[in-house]
C-alpha atoms as a PDB file:
ATOM      1  CA  UNK A   1      65.394  48.121  -6.490  1.00  0.00           C
ATOM      2  CA  UNK A   2      65.762  51.055  -4.165  1.00  0.00           C
ATOM      3  CA  UNK A   3      63.204  51.815  -1.447  1.00  0.00           C
ATOM      4  CA  UNK A   4      61.773  55.233  -0.624  1.00  0.00           C
ATOM      5  CA  UNK A   5      59.805  55.213   2.613  1.00  0.00           C
ATOM      6  CA  UNK A   6      57.438  57.211   4.774  1.00  0.00           C
ATOM      7  CA  UNK A   7      57.294  56.159   8.427  1.00  0.00           C
ATOM      8  CA  UNK A   8      54.805  56.980  11.131  1.00  0.00           C
ATOM      9  CA  UNK A   9      52.488  59.066   8.953  1.00  0.00           C
ATOM     10  CA  UNK A  10      49.563  59.881  11.301  1.00  0.00           C
ATOM     11  CA  UNK A  11      46.244  60.811   9.696  1.00  0.00           C
ATOM     12  CA  UNK A  12      42.801  61.455  11.198  1.00  0.00           C
ATOM     13  CA  UNK A  13      39.885  59.811   9.409  1.00  0.00           C
ATOM     14  CA  UNK A  14      36.483  58.194   9.776  1.00  0.00           C
ATOM     15  CA  UNK A  15      37.106  54.439   9.786  1.00  0.00           C
ATOM     16  CA  UNK A  16      35.188  51.562  11.317  1.00  0.00           C
ATOM     17  CA  UNK A  17      31.952  49.641  11.429  1.00  0.00           C
ATOM     18  CA  UNK A  18      30.498  50.754  14.761  1.00  0.00           C
ATOM     19  CA  UNK A  19      28.099  53.683  15.093  1.00  0.00           C
ATOM     20  CA  UNK A  20      30.529  55.730  17.198  1.00  0.00           C
ATOM     21  CA  UNK A  21      33.279  55.175  14.599  1.00  0.00           C
ATOM     22  CA  UNK A  22      31.076  56.686  11.893  1.00  0.00           C
ATOM     23  CA  UNK A  23      31.011  60.053  13.701  1.00  0.00           C
ATOM     24  CA  UNK A  24      34.376  60.148  15.509  1.00  0.00           C
ATOM     25  CA  UNK A  25      37.645  60.563  13.652  1.00  0.00           C
ATOM     26  CA  UNK A  26      40.381  58.119  14.586  1.00  0.00           C
ATOM     27  CA  UNK A  27      44.088  58.169  13.911  1.00  0.00           C
ATOM     28  CA  UNK A  28      45.596  55.679  11.509  1.00  0.00           C
ATOM     29  CA  UNK A  29      49.358  55.417  11.306  1.00  0.00           C
ATOM     30  CA  UNK A  30      50.967  54.448   7.992  1.00  0.00           C
ATOM     31  CA  UNK A  31      54.403  53.088   7.235  1.00  0.00           C
ATOM     32  CA  UNK A  32      54.931  52.977   3.483  1.00  0.00           C
ATOM     33  CA  UNK A  33      57.809  51.462   1.483  1.00  0.00           C
ATOM     34  CA  UNK A  34      57.913  52.155  -2.252  1.00  0.00           C
ATOM     35  CA  UNK A  35      60.242  50.583  -4.795  1.00  0.00           C
ATOM     36  CA  UNK A  36      61.783  53.180  -7.057  1.00  0.00           C
ATOM     37  CA  UNK A  37      64.997  53.359  -9.066  1.00  0.00           C
ATOM     38  CA  UNK A  38      66.841  56.410  -7.694  1.00  0.00           C
ATOM     39  CA  UNK A  39      69.949  56.039  -9.880  1.00  0.00           C
ATOM     40  CA  UNK A  40      69.146  58.894 -12.282  1.00  0.00           C
ATOM     41  CA  UNK A  41      68.226  61.201  -9.383  1.00  0.00           C
ATOM     42  CA  UNK A  42      71.527  60.358  -7.691  1.00  0.00           C
ATOM     43  CA  UNK A  43      73.458  61.063 -10.897  1.00  0.00           C
ATOM     44  CA  UNK A  44      71.717  64.357 -11.690  1.00  0.00           C
ATOM     45  CA  UNK A  45      70.877  65.608  -8.175  1.00  0.00           C
ATOM     46  CA  UNK A  46      67.477  66.568  -9.638  1.00  0.00           C
ATOM     47  CA  UNK A  47      64.196  65.866  -7.848  1.00  0.00           C
ATOM     48  CA  UNK A  48      62.302  65.394 -11.113  1.00  0.00           C
ATOM     49  CA  UNK A  49      64.090  62.037 -11.501  1.00  0.00           C
ATOM     50  CA  UNK A  50      62.918  60.558  -8.224  1.00  0.00           C
ATOM     51  CA  UNK A  51      59.763  59.820  -6.307  1.00  0.00           C
ATOM     52  CA  UNK A  52      58.964  62.986  -4.399  1.00  0.00           C
ATOM     53  CA  UNK A  53      57.918  61.649  -1.005  1.00  0.00           C
ATOM     54  CA  UNK A  54      56.459  65.026  -0.024  1.00  0.00           C
ATOM     55  CA  UNK A  55      54.062  64.894  -2.987  1.00  0.00           C
ATOM     56  CA  UNK A  56      53.167  61.285  -2.172  1.00  0.00           C
ATOM     57  CA  UNK A  57      52.515  62.103   1.484  1.00  0.00           C
ATOM     58  CA  UNK A  58      50.320  65.111   0.625  1.00  0.00           C
ATOM     59  CA  UNK A  59      48.252  62.968  -1.766  1.00  0.00           C
ATOM     60  CA  UNK A  60      47.807  60.168   0.775  1.00  0.00           C
ATOM     61  CA  UNK A  61      46.981  62.561   3.639  1.00  0.00           C
ATOM     62  CA  UNK A  62      44.384  64.334   1.509  1.00  0.00           C
ATOM     63  CA  UNK A  63      42.810  61.042   0.421  1.00  0.00           C
ATOM     64  CA  UNK A  64      42.699  59.442   3.873  1.00  0.00           C
ATOM     65  CA  UNK A  65      41.348  62.571   5.603  1.00  0.00           C
ATOM     66  CA  UNK A  66      38.485  62.718   3.092  1.00  0.00           C
ATOM     67  CA  UNK A  67      37.694  58.988   3.177  1.00  0.00           C
ATOM     68  CA  UNK A  68      35.008  57.279   5.248  1.00  0.00           C
ATOM     69  CA  UNK A  69      35.553  53.552   4.768  1.00  0.00           C
ATOM     70  CA  UNK A  70      34.126  50.859   6.999  1.00  0.00           C
ATOM     71  CA  UNK A  71      37.132  48.543   6.805  1.00  0.00           C
ATOM     72  CA  UNK A  72      40.874  49.157   7.056  1.00  0.00           C
ATOM     73  CA  UNK A  73      41.234  46.527   4.325  1.00  0.00           C
ATOM     74  CA  UNK A  74      39.457  48.817   1.864  1.00  0.00           C
ATOM     75  CA  UNK A  75      41.399  51.899   2.971  1.00  0.00           C
ATOM     76  CA  UNK A  76      44.825  50.279   2.694  1.00  0.00           C
ATOM     77  CA  UNK A  77      43.991  48.756  -0.712  1.00  0.00           C
ATOM     78  CA  UNK A  78      42.914  52.147  -2.052  1.00  0.00           C
ATOM     79  CA  UNK A  79      46.120  53.759  -0.746  1.00  0.00           C
ATOM     80  CA  UNK A  80      48.211  51.090  -2.498  1.00  0.00           C
ATOM     81  CA  UNK A  81      46.324  51.655  -5.764  1.00  0.00           C
ATOM     82  CA  UNK A  82      46.922  55.420  -5.594  1.00  0.00           C
ATOM     83  CA  UNK A  83      50.642  55.005  -4.979  1.00  0.00           C
ATOM     84  CA  UNK A  84      51.121  52.405  -7.709  1.00  0.00           C
ATOM     85  CA  UNK A  85      48.947  54.063 -10.349  1.00  0.00           C
ATOM     86  CA  UNK A  86      49.497  57.780  -9.791  1.00  0.00           C
ATOM     87  CA  UNK A  87      53.199  57.635  -8.963  1.00  0.00           C
ATOM     88  CA  UNK A  88      54.257  54.750 -11.211  1.00  0.00           C
ATOM     89  CA  UNK A  89      55.558  52.647  -8.310  1.00  0.00           C
ATOM     90  CA  UNK A  90      56.035  48.966  -9.260  1.00  0.00           C
ATOM     91  CA  UNK A  91      55.931  47.655  -5.663  1.00  0.00           C
ATOM     92  CA  UNK A  92      54.577  49.023  -2.397  1.00  0.00           C
ATOM     93  CA  UNK A  93      54.431  47.695   1.140  1.00  0.00           C
ATOM     94  CA  UNK A  94      52.078  49.444   3.557  1.00  0.00           C
ATOM     95  CA  UNK A  95      51.516  48.940   7.258  1.00  0.00           C
ATOM     96  CA  UNK A  96      48.320  50.494   8.598  1.00  0.00           C
ATOM     97  CA  UNK A  97      48.118  50.727  12.388  1.00  0.00           C
ATOM     98  CA  UNK A  98      44.771  51.537  14.009  1.00  0.00           C
ATOM     99  CA  UNK A  99      46.058  52.034  17.547  1.00  0.00           C
ATOM    100  CA  UNK A 100      43.590  51.339  20.308  1.00  0.00           C
ATOM    101  CA  UNK A 101      41.205  49.301  18.168  1.00  0.00           C
ATOM    102  CA  UNK A 102      41.530  46.322  20.521  1.00  0.00           C
ATOM    103  CA  UNK A 103      41.582  46.748  24.281  1.00  0.00           C
ATOM    104  CA  UNK A 104      44.847  45.436  25.679  1.00  0.00           C
ATOM    105  CA  UNK A 105      46.722  45.669  22.369  1.00  0.00           C
ATOM    106  CA  UNK A 106      48.990  48.638  21.731  1.00  0.00           C
ATOM    107  CA  UNK A 107      48.953  48.082  17.986  1.00  0.00           C
ATOM    108  CA  UNK A 108      46.510  46.497  15.587  1.00  0.00           C
ATOM    109  CA  UNK A 109      46.297  46.707  11.841  1.00  0.00           C
ATOM    110  CA  UNK A 110      47.186  45.251   8.521  1.00  0.00           C
ATOM    111  CA  UNK A 111      50.219  44.901   6.249  1.00  0.00           C
ATOM    112  CA  UNK A 112      49.950  44.515   2.495  1.00  0.00           C
ATOM    113  CA  UNK A 113      52.330  44.294  -0.430  1.00  0.00           C
ATOM    114  CA  UNK A 114      51.246  45.036  -3.981  1.00  0.00           C
ATOM    115  CA  UNK A 115      53.127  44.708  -7.237  1.00  0.00           C
ATOM    116  CA  UNK A 116      56.498  43.172  -7.977  1.00  0.00           C
ATOM    117  CA  UNK A 117      59.756  44.066  -6.320  1.00  0.00           C
ATOM    118  CA  UNK A 118      62.482  43.798  -8.911  1.00  0.00           C
ATOM    119  CA  UNK A 119      66.226  44.209  -8.573  1.00  0.00           C
END
């Protein structure tokens, strides 16, 4: 299976459990890998036969900016569901980085994989 990816996608959102986090937007950084067969797109040179990463990124940015989850676990799970269900992606791997969440750590976050990665 081929992989289409988005790296370092920075989005401002309300995320967190503390009072200050409920009123102050924070940046989350997403790295997203999506399994998708690009063979027909390569043969035809036609975007309608591939996963349009611009469309995916716009959908995810819009969703995350409008969200107000308490936990990054909920946010990342919802993002995975959107990608798999709305874009017919059989497998997705997402890294969500909430920089600065822990004093002394440059990066903190979560990595999930959903679906099946086939060859």
